[in-house]
Amino acid sequence: MGETTPPDTTEELELHRAVSDDGTQIVGHVYGHGPPLVLVHAGLGDGVLDWDAAMPFLSDRFACYLMSTRGRGSSGNHPNQSPEQYVEDVVAFVESLGEPVGLAGASGGTMFALGAAAQSKAVAAVAACDPLAFELLTEEDEARLHDRTHAIRNDDDTDIAVVRERKSPDVSRCRNSGPCSTPR
């Protein structure tokens, strides 16, 4: 297997900024050149933290926008941390690029990427990478997940959720009427 080379960090850092509907600035680090590919991080990360390792594989073919959601990375913070607002942040970011984009979300970020893809004509393609499937959780699984998740504060007062025990949810049935697939 060949070696990979990380992006050249000696060149000037390029940032892309968009403003969400509530005035929050959403920022993404930009690597590479080519068609735009917006990458949405998992719930607890930020764009660079979650996606930087993929840049050697993508930045030679795409202009990769490693966006950070509100309160993460270089983006502004706002008290409204609702899932709907995160989707709006992704919509604002992709639409600010002014051309059709590819969009990928990792883990919890898949919900925001898929929501944005459903709302914006600027999204030409979407990929869900290791998506969380909360709609597959039974009420008991949801309660267990909630009970084992504790909010703590790190040094800069950013909320972080920590899951102390991991147990697979019961995916034998879906609570919605859509198709279900069981993780492998």
N, C-alpha and C. Protein backbone atom coordinates (compact mmCIF):
# COMPACT_ATOMS: atom_id res chain seq x y z
N MET A 1 0.84 -1.17 0.00
CA MET A 1 0.00 0.00 0.00
C MET A 1 0.89 1.24 0.00
N GLY A 2 0.59 2.23 -0.85
CA GLY A 2 1.41 3.42 -0.97
C GLY A 2 1.26 4.36 0.21
N GLU A 3 2.28 5.17 0.38
CA GLU A 3 2.23 6.16 1.46
C GLU A 3 1.39 7.35 1.02
N THR A 4 0.79 8.02 2.00
CA THR A 4 0.02 9.22 1.70
C THR A 4 0.74 10.42 2.28
N THR A 5 0.50 11.55 1.68
CA THR A 5 1.12 12.79 2.14
C THR A 5 0.02 13.72 2.62
N PRO A 6 0.12 14.25 3.84
CA PRO A 6 -0.91 15.17 4.32
C PRO A 6 -0.90 16.46 3.51
N PRO A 7 -1.98 17.24 3.58
CA PRO A 7 -2.03 18.50 2.85
C PRO A 7 -0.86 19.40 3.24
N ASP A 8 -0.41 20.22 2.30
CA ASP A 8 0.68 21.16 2.54
C ASP A 8 0.18 22.27 3.46
N THR A 9 0.66 22.28 4.68
CA THR A 9 0.20 23.29 5.65
C THR A 9 1.06 24.54 5.62
N THR A 10 2.05 24.60 4.70
CA THR A 10 2.88 25.79 4.63
C THR A 10 2.19 26.89 3.84
N GLU A 11 1.22 26.51 2.97
CA GLU A 11 0.51 27.56 2.25
C GLU A 11 -0.52 28.19 3.17
N GLU A 12 -0.95 29.37 2.78
CA GLU A 12 -1.87 30.14 3.61
C GLU A 12 -3.18 29.38 3.82
N LEU A 13 -3.66 29.39 5.05
CA LEU A 13 -4.90 28.71 5.40
C LEU A 13 -6.07 29.41 4.70
N GLU A 14 -6.88 28.63 4.00
CA GLU A 14 -8.06 29.19 3.34
C GLU A 14 -9.30 28.80 4.14
N LEU A 15 -10.13 29.80 4.41
CA LEU A 15 -11.38 29.58 5.13
C LEU A 15 -12.54 30.04 4.27
N HIS A 16 -13.65 29.36 4.39
CA HIS A 16 -14.90 29.81 3.77
C HIS A 16 -15.88 30.10 4.89
N ARG A 17 -16.55 31.24 4.78
CA ARG A 17 -17.49 31.66 5.83
C ARG A 17 -18.89 31.84 5.24
N ALA A 18 -19.88 31.36 5.98
CA ALA A 18 -21.28 31.55 5.62
C ALA A 18 -22.01 32.03 6.87
N VAL A 19 -23.17 32.63 6.68
CA VAL A 19 -23.95 33.11 7.81
C VAL A 19 -25.29 32.39 7.81
N SER A 20 -25.61 31.74 8.93
CA SER A 20 -26.87 31.02 9.07
C SER A 20 -28.02 32.01 9.25
N ASP A 21 -29.25 31.54 9.19
CA ASP A 21 -30.41 32.43 9.25
C ASP A 21 -30.54 33.19 10.57
N ASP A 22 -29.88 32.73 11.63
CA ASP A 22 -29.94 33.46 12.90
C ASP A 22 -28.71 34.33 13.13
N GLY A 23 -27.89 34.49 12.08
CA GLY A 23 -26.72 35.35 12.16
C GLY A 23 -25.44 34.68 12.61
N THR A 24 -25.47 33.39 12.90
CA THR A 24 -24.28 32.68 13.35
C THR A 24 -23.35 32.42 12.17
N GLN A 25 -22.07 32.74 12.34
CA GLN A 25 -21.09 32.51 11.29
C GLN A 25 -20.66 31.04 11.32
N ILE A 26 -20.76 30.39 10.17
CA ILE A 26 -20.37 28.99 10.01
C ILE A 26 -19.12 28.98 9.13
N VAL A 27 -18.05 28.35 9.62
CA VAL A 27 -16.75 28.43 8.97
C VAL A 27 -16.27 27.03 8.57
N GLY A 28 -15.63 26.96 7.42
CA GLY A 28 -15.04 25.72 6.96
C GLY A 28 -13.63 25.96 6.46
N HIS A 29 -12.71 25.07 6.80
CA HIS A 29 -11.35 25.10 6.26
C HIS A 29 -11.41 24.48 4.88
N VAL A 30 -10.66 25.04 3.94
CA VAL A 30 -10.71 24.59 2.55
C VAL A 30 -9.36 23.99 2.16
N TYR A 31 -9.41 22.78 1.58
CA TYR A 31 -8.22 22.09 1.10
C TYR A 31 -8.48 21.63 -0.32
N GLY A 32 -7.51 21.78 -1.20
CA GLY A 32 -7.59 21.22 -2.53
C GLY A 32 -8.32 22.10 -3.52
N HIS A 33 -8.45 21.55 -4.74
CA HIS A 33 -9.09 22.27 -5.85
C HIS A 33 -9.93 21.27 -6.63
N GLY A 34 -11.01 21.77 -7.20
CA GLY A 34 -11.89 20.93 -7.99
C GLY A 34 -13.32 21.18 -7.59
N PRO A 35 -14.21 20.26 -7.93
CA PRO A 35 -15.62 20.42 -7.55
C PRO A 35 -15.75 20.47 -6.02
N PRO A 36 -16.68 21.29 -5.52
CA PRO A 36 -16.81 21.41 -4.06
C PRO A 36 -17.39 20.17 -3.40
N LEU A 37 -16.76 19.78 -2.30
CA LEU A 37 -17.21 18.67 -1.47
C LEU A 37 -17.24 19.18 -0.03
N VAL A 38 -18.44 19.30 0.53
CA VAL A 38 -18.61 19.78 1.90
C VAL A 38 -18.69 18.58 2.82
N LEU A 39 -17.86 18.59 3.87
CA LEU A 39 -17.77 17.47 4.81
C LEU A 39 -18.24 17.94 6.18
N VAL A 40 -19.28 17.28 6.70
CA VAL A 40 -19.89 17.63 7.98
C VAL A 40 -19.40 16.64 9.03
N HIS A 41 -18.87 17.16 10.11
CA HIS A 41 -18.27 16.32 11.16
C HIS A 41 -19.31 15.65 12.03
N ALA A 42 -18.83 14.68 12.83
CA ALA A 42 -19.66 14.01 13.83
C ALA A 42 -20.03 15.01 14.92
N GLY A 43 -20.95 14.63 15.77
CA GLY A 43 -21.48 15.54 16.77
C GLY A 43 -20.48 16.17 17.71
N LEU A 44 -19.45 15.44 18.11
CA LEU A 44 -18.54 15.96 19.12
C LEU A 44 -17.24 16.52 18.56
N GLY A 45 -17.06 16.46 17.26
CA GLY A 45 -15.80 16.91 16.68
C GLY A 45 -15.89 18.31 16.12
N ASP A 46 -15.03 18.56 15.16
CA ASP A 46 -15.13 19.75 14.31
C ASP A 46 -14.62 19.33 12.95
N GLY A 47 -14.78 20.19 11.96
CA GLY A 47 -14.45 19.81 10.59
C GLY A 47 -13.04 19.30 10.42
N VAL A 48 -12.07 20.03 10.93
CA VAL A 48 -10.67 19.62 10.75
C VAL A 48 -10.36 18.37 11.56
N LEU A 49 -10.81 18.32 12.79
CA LEU A 49 -10.54 17.17 13.65
C LEU A 49 -11.05 15.87 13.03
N ASP A 50 -12.25 15.90 12.49
CA ASP A 50 -12.86 14.68 11.96
C ASP A 50 -12.42 14.31 10.55
N TRP A 51 -12.11 15.29 9.72
CA TRP A 51 -11.88 15.01 8.31
C TRP A 51 -10.45 15.20 7.81
N ASP A 52 -9.56 15.76 8.62
CA ASP A 52 -8.21 16.06 8.17
C ASP A 52 -7.48 14.84 7.61
N ALA A 53 -7.65 13.69 8.23
CA ALA A 53 -6.94 12.48 7.78
C ALA A 53 -7.39 12.03 6.39
N ALA A 54 -8.56 12.45 5.95
CA ALA A 54 -9.04 12.07 4.62
C ALA A 54 -8.52 12.98 3.52
N MET A 55 -7.92 14.11 3.88
CA MET A 55 -7.50 15.08 2.87
C MET A 55 -6.49 14.54 1.87
N PRO A 56 -5.53 13.70 2.24
CA PRO A 56 -4.61 13.18 1.23
C PRO A 56 -5.32 12.37 0.14
N PHE A 57 -6.50 11.85 0.44
CA PHE A 57 -7.24 11.02 -0.50
C PHE A 57 -8.26 11.81 -1.32
N LEU A 58 -8.60 13.02 -0.87
CA LEU A 58 -9.67 13.79 -1.51
C LEU A 58 -9.22 15.11 -2.11
N SER A 59 -8.26 15.76 -1.49
CA SER A 59 -7.94 17.14 -1.87
C SER A 59 -7.26 17.27 -3.23
N ASP A 60 -6.81 16.17 -3.82
CA ASP A 60 -6.24 16.25 -5.17
C ASP A 60 -7.33 16.24 -6.23
N ARG A 61 -8.58 15.92 -5.86
CA ARG A 61 -9.69 15.86 -6.82
C ARG A 61 -10.82 16.80 -6.51
N PHE A 62 -10.90 17.28 -5.24
CA PHE A 62 -12.02 18.12 -4.81
C PHE A 62 -11.52 19.34 -4.04
N ALA A 63 -12.32 20.38 -4.07
CA ALA A 63 -12.15 21.47 -3.11
C ALA A 63 -12.93 21.02 -1.88
N CYS A 64 -12.23 20.59 -0.85
CA CYS A 64 -12.85 20.02 0.34
C CYS A 64 -13.10 21.12 1.37
N TYR A 65 -14.35 21.27 1.75
CA TYR A 65 -14.76 22.26 2.75
C TYR A 65 -15.05 21.51 4.04
N LEU A 66 -14.14 21.63 5.01
CA LEU A 66 -14.29 20.95 6.30
C LEU A 66 -15.02 21.89 7.24
N MET A 67 -16.34 21.93 7.08
CA MET A 67 -17.13 22.89 7.86
C MET A 67 -17.26 22.43 9.31
N SER A 68 -17.32 23.40 10.19
CA SER A 68 -17.57 23.13 11.61
C SER A 68 -18.93 23.71 11.96
N THR A 69 -19.73 22.95 12.67
CA THR A 69 -21.04 23.44 13.07
C THR A 69 -20.89 24.48 14.18
N ARG A 70 -21.97 25.17 14.47
CA ARG A 70 -21.96 26.23 15.48
C ARG A 70 -21.36 25.72 16.79
N GLY A 71 -20.51 26.57 17.37
CA GLY A 71 -19.89 26.23 18.64
C GLY A 71 -18.70 25.30 18.53
N ARG A 72 -18.31 24.94 17.32
CA ARG A 72 -17.19 24.03 17.09
C ARG A 72 -16.18 24.69 16.16
N GLY A 73 -14.94 24.29 16.27
CA GLY A 73 -13.91 24.79 15.38
C GLY A 73 -13.88 26.31 15.34
N SER A 74 -13.82 26.87 14.14
CA SER A 74 -13.76 28.32 13.95
C SER A 74 -15.13 28.97 13.83
N SER A 75 -16.20 28.18 13.87
CA SER A 75 -17.55 28.73 13.73
C SER A 75 -17.99 29.45 15.00
N GLY A 76 -18.93 30.37 14.81
CA GLY A 76 -19.49 31.09 15.95
C GLY A 76 -20.39 30.18 16.77
N ASN A 77 -20.75 30.65 17.96
CA ASN A 77 -21.64 29.89 18.82
C ASN A 77 -22.96 30.63 18.94
N HIS A 78 -23.98 29.93 19.36
CA HIS A 78 -25.32 30.49 19.53
C HIS A 78 -26.07 29.58 20.48
N PRO A 79 -26.96 30.13 21.30
CA PRO A 79 -27.70 29.28 22.24
C PRO A 79 -28.62 28.26 21.56
N ASN A 80 -29.09 28.54 20.34
CA ASN A 80 -29.96 27.59 19.65
C ASN A 80 -29.11 26.46 19.09
N GLN A 81 -29.16 25.30 19.72
CA GLN A 81 -28.40 24.13 19.32
C GLN A 81 -29.32 23.01 18.83
N SER A 82 -30.49 23.38 18.30
CA SER A 82 -31.47 22.37 17.87
C SER A 82 -31.00 21.68 16.59
N PRO A 83 -31.42 20.42 16.39
CA PRO A 83 -31.08 19.72 15.15
C PRO A 83 -31.54 20.50 13.91
N GLU A 84 -32.70 21.11 13.98
CA GLU A 84 -33.20 21.88 12.84
C GLU A 84 -32.27 23.04 12.51
N GLN A 85 -31.70 23.66 13.54
CA GLN A 85 -30.78 24.78 13.30
C GLN A 85 -29.47 24.29 12.71
N TYR A 86 -28.98 23.12 13.14
CA TYR A 86 -27.79 22.55 12.53
C TYR A 86 -28.02 22.28 11.05
N VAL A 87 -29.19 21.76 10.70
CA VAL A 87 -29.53 21.54 9.29
C VAL A 87 -29.49 22.86 8.54
N GLU A 88 -30.10 23.90 9.13
CA GLU A 88 -30.09 25.23 8.50
C GLU A 88 -28.66 25.73 8.31
N ASP A 89 -27.79 25.47 9.27
CA ASP A 89 -26.38 25.87 9.14
C ASP A 89 -25.73 25.20 7.94
N VAL A 90 -25.98 23.91 7.75
CA VAL A 90 -25.41 23.19 6.61
C VAL A 90 -26.00 23.74 5.32
N VAL A 91 -27.31 23.98 5.29
CA VAL A 91 -27.95 24.56 4.10
C VAL A 91 -27.31 25.91 3.77
N ALA A 92 -27.15 26.77 4.75
CA ALA A 92 -26.55 28.09 4.52
C ALA A 92 -25.13 27.94 3.97
N PHE A 93 -24.38 27.01 4.52
CA PHE A 93 -22.99 26.82 4.09
C PHE A 93 -22.93 26.34 2.64
N VAL A 94 -23.69 25.29 2.30
CA VAL A 94 -23.61 24.76 0.94
C VAL A 94 -24.15 25.77 -0.08
N GLU A 95 -25.20 26.48 0.27
CA GLU A 95 -25.77 27.45 -0.67
C GLU A 95 -24.86 28.66 -0.86
N SER A 96 -24.03 28.96 0.14
CA SER A 96 -23.11 30.09 0.02
C SER A 96 -22.00 29.84 -0.99
N LEU A 97 -21.79 28.59 -1.39
CA LEU A 97 -20.74 28.28 -2.35
C LEU A 97 -21.13 28.65 -3.77
N GLY A 98 -22.43 28.79 -4.03
CA GLY A 98 -22.88 29.28 -5.32
C GLY A 98 -22.82 28.29 -6.47
N GLU A 99 -22.63 27.03 -6.18
CA GLU A 99 -22.61 26.00 -7.22
C GLU A 99 -23.01 24.67 -6.59
N PRO A 100 -23.38 23.68 -7.42
CA PRO A 100 -23.76 22.37 -6.86
C PRO A 100 -22.58 21.75 -6.11
N VAL A 101 -22.90 21.11 -4.98
CA VAL A 101 -21.86 20.53 -4.13
C VAL A 101 -22.15 19.06 -3.86
N GLY A 102 -21.08 18.33 -3.57
CA GLY A 102 -21.20 17.03 -2.96
C GLY A 102 -21.21 17.27 -1.46
N LEU A 103 -21.93 16.46 -0.73
CA LEU A 103 -22.08 16.66 0.72
C LEU A 103 -21.94 15.31 1.40
N ALA A 104 -21.09 15.24 2.43
CA ALA A 104 -20.93 14.00 3.20
C ALA A 104 -20.98 14.33 4.67
N GLY A 105 -21.64 13.48 5.43
CA GLY A 105 -21.71 13.64 6.88
C GLY A 105 -21.20 12.38 7.55
N ALA A 106 -20.53 12.56 8.68
CA ALA A 106 -20.01 11.44 9.45
C ALA A 106 -20.80 11.29 10.74
N SER A 107 -21.16 10.08 11.08
CA SER A 107 -21.82 9.76 12.34
C SER A 107 -23.02 10.68 12.57
N GLY A 108 -23.03 11.43 13.66
CA GLY A 108 -24.15 12.33 13.95
C GLY A 108 -24.33 13.42 12.91
N GLY A 109 -23.27 13.78 12.20
CA GLY A 109 -23.35 14.79 11.15
C GLY A 109 -24.15 14.34 9.95
N THR A 110 -24.39 13.02 9.82
CA THR A 110 -25.19 12.53 8.70
C THR A 110 -26.61 13.06 8.76
N MET A 111 -27.16 13.21 9.96
CA MET A 111 -28.52 13.73 10.09
C MET A 111 -28.61 15.13 9.51
N PHE A 112 -27.59 15.95 9.77
CA PHE A 112 -27.59 17.32 9.29
C PHE A 112 -27.34 17.36 7.78
N ALA A 113 -26.46 16.50 7.29
CA ALA A 113 -26.18 16.44 5.85
C ALA A 113 -27.41 15.97 5.09
N LEU A 114 -28.06 14.91 5.57
CA LEU A 114 -29.25 14.40 4.88
C LEU A 114 -30.39 15.41 4.94
N GLY A 115 -30.54 16.09 6.07
CA GLY A 115 -31.56 17.13 6.19
C GLY A 115 -31.31 18.26 5.22
N ALA A 116 -30.05 18.69 5.11
CA ALA A 116 -29.71 19.77 4.19
C ALA A 116 -29.93 19.33 2.74
N ALA A 117 -29.57 18.09 2.42
CA ALA A 117 -29.77 17.59 1.06
C ALA A 117 -31.24 17.58 0.68
N ALA A 118 -32.10 17.29 1.65
CA ALA A 118 -33.54 17.28 1.38
C ALA A 118 -34.09 18.69 1.17
N GLN A 119 -33.42 19.70 1.73
CA GLN A 119 -33.94 21.07 1.67
C GLN A 119 -33.30 21.94 0.60
N SER A 120 -32.11 21.59 0.14
CA SER A 120 -31.38 22.50 -0.74
C SER A 120 -31.13 21.91 -2.11
N LYS A 121 -31.43 22.69 -3.14
CA LYS A 121 -31.13 22.28 -4.52
C LYS A 121 -29.65 22.41 -4.82
N ALA A 122 -28.87 23.02 -3.92
CA ALA A 122 -27.42 23.16 -4.13
C ALA A 122 -26.69 21.84 -3.92
N VAL A 123 -27.34 20.85 -3.29
CA VAL A 123 -26.70 19.55 -3.03
C VAL A 123 -26.95 18.63 -4.22
N ALA A 124 -25.85 18.31 -4.94
CA ALA A 124 -25.94 17.44 -6.11
C ALA A 124 -25.85 15.97 -5.74
N ALA A 125 -25.14 15.67 -4.64
CA ALA A 125 -24.97 14.29 -4.19
C ALA A 125 -24.72 14.32 -2.69
N VAL A 126 -25.15 13.27 -1.99
CA VAL A 126 -24.96 13.20 -0.55
C VAL A 126 -24.50 11.80 -0.16
N ALA A 127 -23.60 11.74 0.83
CA ALA A 127 -23.12 10.47 1.35
C ALA A 127 -23.26 10.47 2.87
N ALA A 128 -23.78 9.38 3.41
CA ALA A 128 -23.92 9.22 4.86
C ALA A 128 -22.86 8.22 5.31
N CYS A 129 -21.88 8.70 6.07
CA CYS A 129 -20.76 7.87 6.52
C CYS A 129 -20.98 7.44 7.97
N ASP A 130 -21.21 6.16 8.20
CA ASP A 130 -21.44 5.62 9.54
C ASP A 130 -22.55 6.38 10.27
N PRO A 131 -23.74 6.43 9.66
CA PRO A 131 -24.81 7.25 10.24
C PRO A 131 -25.36 6.69 11.55
N LEU A 132 -25.74 7.60 12.42
CA LEU A 132 -26.49 7.22 13.61
C LEU A 132 -27.93 7.04 13.17
N ALA A 133 -28.62 6.09 13.71
CA ALA A 133 -30.00 5.82 13.32
C ALA A 133 -30.89 5.88 14.55
N PHE A 134 -31.09 7.10 15.07
CA PHE A 134 -31.89 7.25 16.27
C PHE A 134 -33.32 6.75 16.08
N GLU A 135 -33.83 6.83 14.85
CA GLU A 135 -35.20 6.38 14.64
C GLU A 135 -35.35 4.87 14.81
N LEU A 136 -34.23 4.14 14.85
CA LEU A 136 -34.28 2.69 15.06
C LEU A 136 -34.26 2.31 16.53
N LEU A 137 -33.98 3.26 17.41
CA LEU A 137 -33.91 2.97 18.84
C LEU A 137 -35.31 2.77 19.41
N THR A 138 -35.45 1.76 20.26
CA THR A 138 -36.70 1.62 21.00
C THR A 138 -36.69 2.67 22.11
N GLU A 139 -37.81 2.91 22.73
CA GLU A 139 -37.86 3.87 23.83
C GLU A 139 -36.94 3.44 24.96
N GLU A 140 -36.84 2.12 25.20
CA GLU A 140 -35.96 1.60 26.25
C GLU A 140 -34.48 1.87 25.90
N ASP A 141 -34.11 1.63 24.64
CA ASP A 141 -32.74 1.90 24.20
C ASP A 141 -32.42 3.39 24.33
N GLU A 142 -33.38 4.23 23.93
CA GLU A 142 -33.18 5.68 24.01
C GLU A 142 -32.98 6.11 25.46
N ALA A 143 -33.77 5.57 26.37
CA ALA A 143 -33.64 5.90 27.79
C ALA A 143 -32.30 5.43 28.34
N ARG A 144 -31.89 4.22 27.94
CA ARG A 144 -30.60 3.69 28.40
C ARG A 144 -29.45 4.56 27.88
N LEU A 145 -29.52 4.97 26.61
CA LEU A 145 -28.49 5.84 26.05
C LEU A 145 -28.46 7.17 26.80
N HIS A 146 -29.63 7.73 27.05
CA HIS A 146 -29.70 8.99 27.78
C HIS A 146 -29.13 8.87 29.19
N ASP A 147 -29.49 7.78 29.89
CA ASP A 147 -29.01 7.58 31.26
C ASP A 147 -27.50 7.42 31.33
N ARG A 148 -26.89 6.86 30.29
CA ARG A 148 -25.45 6.60 30.31
C ARG A 148 -24.64 7.72 29.67
N THR A 149 -25.32 8.75 29.25
CA THR A 149 -24.65 9.89 28.64
C THR A 149 -24.65 11.03 29.65
N HIS A 150 -23.48 11.56 29.92
CA HIS A 150 -23.35 12.62 30.90
C HIS A 150 -22.69 13.83 30.26
N ALA A 151 -23.22 15.00 30.55
CA ALA A 151 -22.59 16.22 30.03
C ALA A 151 -21.47 16.63 30.98
N ILE A 152 -20.34 16.92 30.41
CA ILE A 152 -19.23 17.44 31.18
C ILE A 152 -18.75 18.72 30.50
N ARG A 153 -17.93 19.47 31.14
CA ARG A 153 -17.38 20.69 30.54
C ARG A 153 -15.88 20.52 30.38
N ASN A 154 -15.39 20.95 29.23
CA ASN A 154 -13.95 20.95 29.07
C ASN A 154 -13.42 22.33 29.45
N ASP A 155 -12.15 22.57 29.25
CA ASP A 155 -11.52 23.81 29.70
C ASP A 155 -12.12 25.07 29.11
N ASP A 156 -12.66 25.01 27.87
CA ASP A 156 -13.20 26.24 27.29
C ASP A 156 -14.73 26.29 27.37
N ASP A 157 -15.30 25.57 28.32
CA ASP A 157 -16.73 25.58 28.62
C ASP A 157 -17.61 25.07 27.48
N THR A 158 -17.08 24.26 26.58
CA THR A 158 -17.88 23.65 25.53
C THR A 158 -18.47 22.36 26.08
N ASP A 159 -19.78 22.18 25.89
CA ASP A 159 -20.40 20.94 26.34
C ASP A 159 -19.90 19.77 25.52
N ILE A 160 -19.60 18.68 26.19
CA ILE A 160 -19.19 17.45 25.54
C ILE A 160 -20.01 16.32 26.16
N ALA A 161 -20.56 15.46 25.32
CA ALA A 161 -21.29 14.31 25.83
C ALA A 161 -20.35 13.11 25.86
N VAL A 162 -20.40 12.37 26.93
CA VAL A 162 -19.56 11.20 27.07
C VAL A 162 -20.44 9.99 27.30
N VAL A 163 -20.31 8.99 26.42
CA VAL A 163 -21.07 7.76 26.58
C VAL A 163 -20.18 6.79 27.34
N ARG A 164 -20.67 6.34 28.49
CA ARG A 164 -19.86 5.49 29.36
C ARG A 164 -19.94 4.03 28.98
N GLU A 165 -21.04 3.59 28.39
CA GLU A 165 -21.18 2.18 28.01
C GLU A 165 -21.85 2.14 26.65
N ARG A 166 -21.39 1.27 25.81
CA ARG A 166 -21.97 1.16 24.48
C ARG A 166 -22.70 -0.16 24.36
N LYS A 167 -23.96 -0.11 23.98
CA LYS A 167 -24.73 -1.32 23.77
C LYS A 167 -25.49 -1.14 22.47
N SER A 168 -25.53 -2.17 21.66
CA SER A 168 -26.22 -2.09 20.39
C SER A 168 -27.71 -1.92 20.61
N PRO A 169 -28.35 -1.04 19.82
CA PRO A 169 -29.79 -0.88 19.95
C PRO A 169 -30.53 -2.07 19.35
N ASP A 170 -31.76 -2.23 19.74
CA ASP A 170 -32.62 -3.26 19.17
C ASP A 170 -33.10 -2.75 17.81
N VAL A 171 -32.59 -3.34 16.75
CA VAL A 171 -32.97 -2.89 15.41
C VAL A 171 -33.90 -3.90 14.74
N SER A 172 -34.55 -4.75 15.54
CA SER A 172 -35.42 -5.76 14.97
C SER A 172 -36.69 -5.16 14.38
N ARG A 173 -36.96 -3.91 14.71
CA ARG A 173 -38.12 -3.26 14.13
C ARG A 173 -37.82 -1.77 13.96
N CYS A 174 -38.55 -1.14 13.09
CA CYS A 174 -38.41 0.30 12.90
C CYS A 174 -39.63 0.98 13.49
N ARG A 175 -39.42 2.16 14.05
CA ARG A 175 -40.55 2.91 14.58
C ARG A 175 -41.13 3.81 13.50
N ASN A 176 -40.47 3.93 12.37
CA ASN A 176 -41.06 4.72 11.29
C ASN A 176 -41.55 3.78 10.20
N SER A 177 -42.21 4.34 9.20
CA SER A 177 -42.78 3.49 8.17
C SER A 177 -41.83 3.26 7.01
N GLY A 178 -40.65 3.85 7.05
CA GLY A 178 -39.67 3.71 5.97
C GLY A 178 -38.95 2.39 6.03
N PRO A 179 -38.12 2.13 5.02
CA PRO A 179 -37.37 0.87 5.00
C PRO A 179 -36.32 0.84 6.10
N CYS A 180 -36.02 -0.34 6.58
CA CYS A 180 -35.03 -0.54 7.64
C CYS A 180 -33.90 -1.39 7.11
N SER A 181 -32.72 -1.14 7.60
CA SER A 181 -31.62 -2.06 7.34
C SER A 181 -30.89 -2.27 8.65
N THR A 182 -30.41 -3.47 8.85
CA THR A 182 -29.72 -3.82 10.08
C THR A 182 -28.23 -3.65 9.88
N PRO A 183 -27.52 -3.03 10.86
CA PRO A 183 -26.08 -2.90 10.72
C PRO A 183 -25.42 -4.26 10.64
N ARG A 184 -24.32 -4.34 9.89
CA ARG A 184 -23.62 -5.61 9.76
C ARG A 184 -22.68 -5.83 10.90
